[in-house]
Amino acid sequence: MGYKVYAGPTNVNVVWTGDTWEERGTAEASRLTGDTGHWHICRVLVQPASNRGRGIGGDLLDLLKEEVRERGGETLTVDPGGYDNNQERQRYFYQKCGFEPLNEYRMVCHLVTSKMDSE
């Protein structure tokens, strides 16, 4: 079981592999074109569903935020709803991970809280 990071200048993918080939997870974000400080989460997924609730998704997201911050990311957004369309559960997950509602559809996490954080 372990985590690996695959990253380039405009995208980050964190992968978790479990004890069997069926156990896997991923968190992926991309930098928005023309805006070096703003990144958007493309997906956070842990399979099979029986692995959810074990902290794997939170770990993936923590590693993703760290990697994005290292690449100059200041904010990270996500549009909850996802694969099972359970927006309420997904909003709760992201709130636990430090995200705040931005509007009805999008949430934001501020990776840099002051100018001193970015220096």
C-alpha atoms as a PDB file:
ATOM      1  CA  MET A   1       0.000   0.000   0.000  1.00  0.00           C
ATOM      2  CA  GLY A   2       1.397   3.405  -0.857  1.00  0.00           C
ATOM      3  CA  TYR A   3       1.151   6.832  -2.433  1.00  0.00           C
ATOM      4  CA  LYS A   4       3.007   8.155  -5.475  1.00  0.00           C
ATOM      5  CA  VAL A   5       3.057  11.623  -7.014  1.00  0.00           C
ATOM      6  CA  TYR A   6       3.254  12.274 -10.741  1.00  0.00           C
ATOM      7  CA  ALA A   7       3.594  15.966 -11.503  1.00  0.00           C
ATOM      8  CA  GLY A   8       4.477  18.454 -14.179  1.00  0.00           C
ATOM      9  CA  PRO A   9       4.370  22.239 -14.296  1.00  0.00           C
ATOM     10  CA  THR A  10       0.616  22.374 -15.010  1.00  0.00           C
ATOM     11  CA  ASN A  11      -0.796  19.173 -13.522  1.00  0.00           C
ATOM     12  CA  VAL A  12      -0.460  16.978 -10.442  1.00  0.00           C
ATOM     13  CA  ASN A  13      -1.702  13.429  -9.989  1.00  0.00           C
ATOM     14  CA  VAL A  14      -1.432  11.602  -6.658  1.00  0.00           C
ATOM     15  CA  VAL A  15      -2.061   7.858  -6.811  1.00  0.00           C
ATOM     16  CA  TRP A  16      -2.769   5.369  -4.024  1.00  0.00           C
ATOM     17  CA  THR A  17      -2.424   1.627  -4.526  1.00  0.00           C
ATOM     18  CA  GLY A  18      -3.803  -0.813  -2.000  1.00  0.00           C
ATOM     19  CA  ASP A  19      -3.069  -4.426  -1.192  1.00  0.00           C
ATOM     20  CA  THR A  20      -4.849  -5.778  -4.286  1.00  0.00           C
ATOM     21  CA  TRP A  21      -5.027  -4.606  -7.887  1.00  0.00           C
ATOM     22  CA  GLU A  22      -8.657  -3.551  -7.287  1.00  0.00           C
ATOM     23  CA  GLU A  23      -7.748  -1.121  -4.501  1.00  0.00           C
ATOM     24  CA  ARG A  24      -6.749   2.211  -5.958  1.00  0.00           C
ATOM     25  CA  GLY A  25      -7.305   5.909  -5.646  1.00  0.00           C
ATOM     26  CA  THR A  26      -6.345   9.102  -7.392  1.00  0.00           C
ATOM     27  CA  ALA A  27      -6.483  12.856  -6.899  1.00  0.00           C
ATOM     28  CA  GLU A  28      -5.717  15.084  -9.860  1.00  0.00           C
ATOM     29  CA  ALA A  29      -5.561  18.842 -10.385  1.00  0.00           C
ATOM     30  CA  SER A  30      -4.608  21.109 -13.264  1.00  0.00           C
ATOM     31  CA  ARG A  31      -3.458  24.701 -13.356  1.00  0.00           C
ATOM     32  CA  LEU A  32      -5.873  26.947 -15.210  1.00  0.00           C
ATOM     33  CA  THR A  33      -4.480  28.393 -18.420  1.00  0.00           C
ATOM     34  CA  GLY A  34      -3.043  31.860 -18.030  1.00  0.00           C
ATOM     35  CA  ASP A  35      -3.474  31.862 -14.244  1.00  0.00           C
ATOM     36  CA  THR A  36      -0.468  30.350 -12.526  1.00  0.00           C
ATOM     37  CA  GLY A  37      -1.911  30.652  -9.012  1.00  0.00           C
ATOM     38  CA  HIS A  38      -5.284  29.025  -9.610  1.00  0.00           C
ATOM     39  CA  TRP A  39      -5.694  25.255  -9.888  1.00  0.00           C
ATOM     40  CA  HIS A  40      -8.804  23.076 -10.251  1.00  0.00           C
ATOM     41  CA  ILE A  41      -9.387  19.525  -9.038  1.00  0.00           C
ATOM     42  CA  CYS A  42     -10.326  17.212 -11.884  1.00  0.00           C
ATOM     43  CA  ARG A  43     -11.030  14.198  -9.683  1.00  0.00           C
ATOM     44  CA  VAL A  44     -10.652  12.552  -6.302  1.00  0.00           C
ATOM     45  CA  LEU A  45     -11.659   8.900  -6.389  1.00  0.00           C
ATOM     46  CA  VAL A  46     -11.098   5.865  -4.157  1.00  0.00           C
ATOM     47  CA  GLN A  47     -12.120   2.375  -5.330  1.00  0.00           C
ATOM     48  CA  PRO A  48     -13.759   0.105  -4.436  1.00  0.00           C
ATOM     49  CA  ALA A  49     -16.353   2.035  -2.445  1.00  0.00           C
ATOM     50  CA  SER A  50     -15.633  -0.175   0.597  1.00  0.00           C
ATOM     51  CA  ASN A  51     -12.308   1.694   0.959  1.00  0.00           C
ATOM     52  CA  ARG A  52     -14.074   5.027   1.429  1.00  0.00           C
ATOM     53  CA  GLY A  53     -14.209   6.422   4.943  1.00  0.00           C
ATOM     54  CA  ARG A  54     -10.716   5.132   5.806  1.00  0.00           C
ATOM     55  CA  GLY A  55      -8.923   8.472   5.308  1.00  0.00           C
ATOM     56  CA  ILE A  56      -7.439   7.592   1.925  1.00  0.00           C
ATOM     57  CA  GLY A  57      -9.245  10.399   0.062  1.00  0.00           C
ATOM     58  CA  GLY A  58      -8.156  12.927   2.691  1.00  0.00           C
ATOM     59  CA  ASP A  59      -4.557  11.731   2.424  1.00  0.00           C
ATOM     60  CA  LEU A  60      -4.695  11.999  -1.370  1.00  0.00           C
ATOM     61  CA  LEU A  61      -6.079  15.517  -1.114  1.00  0.00           C
ATOM     62  CA  ASP A  62      -3.472  16.597   1.475  1.00  0.00           C
ATOM     63  CA  LEU A  63      -0.661  15.399  -0.793  1.00  0.00           C
ATOM     64  CA  LEU A  64      -2.303  17.059  -3.797  1.00  0.00           C
ATOM     65  CA  LYS A  65      -2.587  20.403  -1.969  1.00  0.00           C
ATOM     66  CA  GLU A  66       1.065  20.193  -0.901  1.00  0.00           C
ATOM     67  CA  GLU A  67       2.238  19.510  -4.469  1.00  0.00           C
ATOM     68  CA  VAL A  68       0.078  22.292  -5.929  1.00  0.00           C
ATOM     69  CA  ARG A  69       1.386  24.738  -3.305  1.00  0.00           C
ATOM     70  CA  GLU A  70       4.975  23.788  -4.237  1.00  0.00           C
ATOM     71  CA  ARG A  71       4.154  24.701  -7.854  1.00  0.00           C
ATOM     72  CA  GLY A  72       2.985  28.189  -6.889  1.00  0.00           C
ATOM     73  CA  GLY A  73      -0.681  27.346  -6.400  1.00  0.00           C
ATOM     74  CA  GLU A  74      -2.555  29.871  -4.275  1.00  0.00           C
ATOM     75  CA  THR A  75      -6.101  28.551  -4.621  1.00  0.00           C
ATOM     76  CA  LEU A  76      -7.579  25.181  -5.446  1.00  0.00           C
ATOM     77  CA  THR A  77     -11.213  24.818  -6.540  1.00  0.00           C
ATOM     78  CA  VAL A  78     -13.523  21.834  -6.946  1.00  0.00           C
ATOM     79  CA  ASP A  79     -17.058  21.248  -8.200  1.00  0.00           C
ATOM     80  CA  PRO A  80     -18.532  18.590  -5.868  1.00  0.00           C
ATOM     81  CA  GLY A  81     -21.058  16.137  -7.248  1.00  0.00           C
ATOM     82  CA  GLY A  82     -18.805  13.574  -8.777  1.00  0.00           C
ATOM     83  CA  TYR A  83     -19.303  10.014  -9.753  1.00  0.00           C
ATOM     84  CA  ASP A  84     -22.189   9.164  -7.426  1.00  0.00           C
ATOM     85  CA  ASN A  85     -23.879  12.595  -7.702  1.00  0.00           C
ATOM     86  CA  ASN A  86     -24.097  12.812  -3.902  1.00  0.00           C
ATOM     87  CA  GLN A  87     -23.234  16.487  -3.676  1.00  0.00           C
ATOM     88  CA  GLU A  88     -24.080  16.807   0.020  1.00  0.00           C
ATOM     89  CA  ARG A  89     -21.669  14.014   1.027  1.00  0.00           C
ATOM     90  CA  GLN A  90     -18.957  15.360  -1.241  1.00  0.00           C
ATOM     91  CA  ARG A  91     -19.342  18.914   0.058  1.00  0.00           C
ATOM     92  CA  TYR A  92     -18.958  17.545   3.601  1.00  0.00           C
ATOM     93  CA  PHE A  93     -15.762  15.693   2.568  1.00  0.00           C
ATOM     94  CA  TYR A  94     -14.224  18.811   1.020  1.00  0.00           C
ATOM     95  CA  GLN A  95     -15.210  20.990   3.990  1.00  0.00           C
ATOM     96  CA  LYS A  96     -13.408  18.534   6.290  1.00  0.00           C
ATOM     97  CA  CYS A  97     -10.374  18.960   4.028  1.00  0.00           C
ATOM     98  CA  GLY A  98     -10.310  22.765   4.320  1.00  0.00           C
ATOM     99  CA  PHE A  99     -12.528  23.876   1.426  1.00  0.00           C
ATOM    100  CA  GLU A 100     -15.177  26.605   1.718  1.00  0.00           C
ATOM    101  CA  PRO A 101     -18.235  27.225  -0.457  1.00  0.00           C
ATOM    102  CA  LEU A 102     -17.482  29.733  -3.219  1.00  0.00           C
ATOM    103  CA  ASN A 103     -20.952  29.574  -4.782  1.00  0.00           C
ATOM    104  CA  GLU A 104     -23.737  27.044  -5.249  1.00  0.00           C
ATOM    105  CA  TYR A 105     -21.582  24.721  -7.383  1.00  0.00           C
ATOM    106  CA  ARG A 106     -17.953  25.388  -6.490  1.00  0.00           C
ATOM    107  CA  MET A 107     -15.751  25.211  -3.393  1.00  0.00           C
ATOM    108  CA  VAL A 108     -12.336  26.790  -2.812  1.00  0.00           C
ATOM    109  CA  CYS A 109      -9.304  26.085  -0.642  1.00  0.00           C
ATOM    110  CA  HIS A 110      -6.847  28.915  -0.054  1.00  0.00           C
ATOM    111  CA  LEU A 111      -3.364  27.384  -0.112  1.00  0.00           C
ATOM    112  CA  VAL A 112      -1.590  30.657   0.667  1.00  0.00           C
ATOM    113  CA  THR A 113      -3.059  32.645   3.527  1.00  0.00           C
ATOM    114  CA  SER A 114      -0.682  35.618   3.353  1.00  0.00           C
ATOM    115  CA  LYS A 115       2.140  37.030   1.244  1.00  0.00           C
ATOM    116  CA  MET A 116       4.604  35.594   3.762  1.00  0.00           C
ATOM    117  CA  ASP A 117       3.327  32.073   2.997  1.00  0.00           C
ATOM    118  CA  SER A 118       4.300  32.444  -0.650  1.00  0.00           C
ATOM    119  CA  GLU A 119       7.857  33.640   0.032  1.00  0.00           C
END
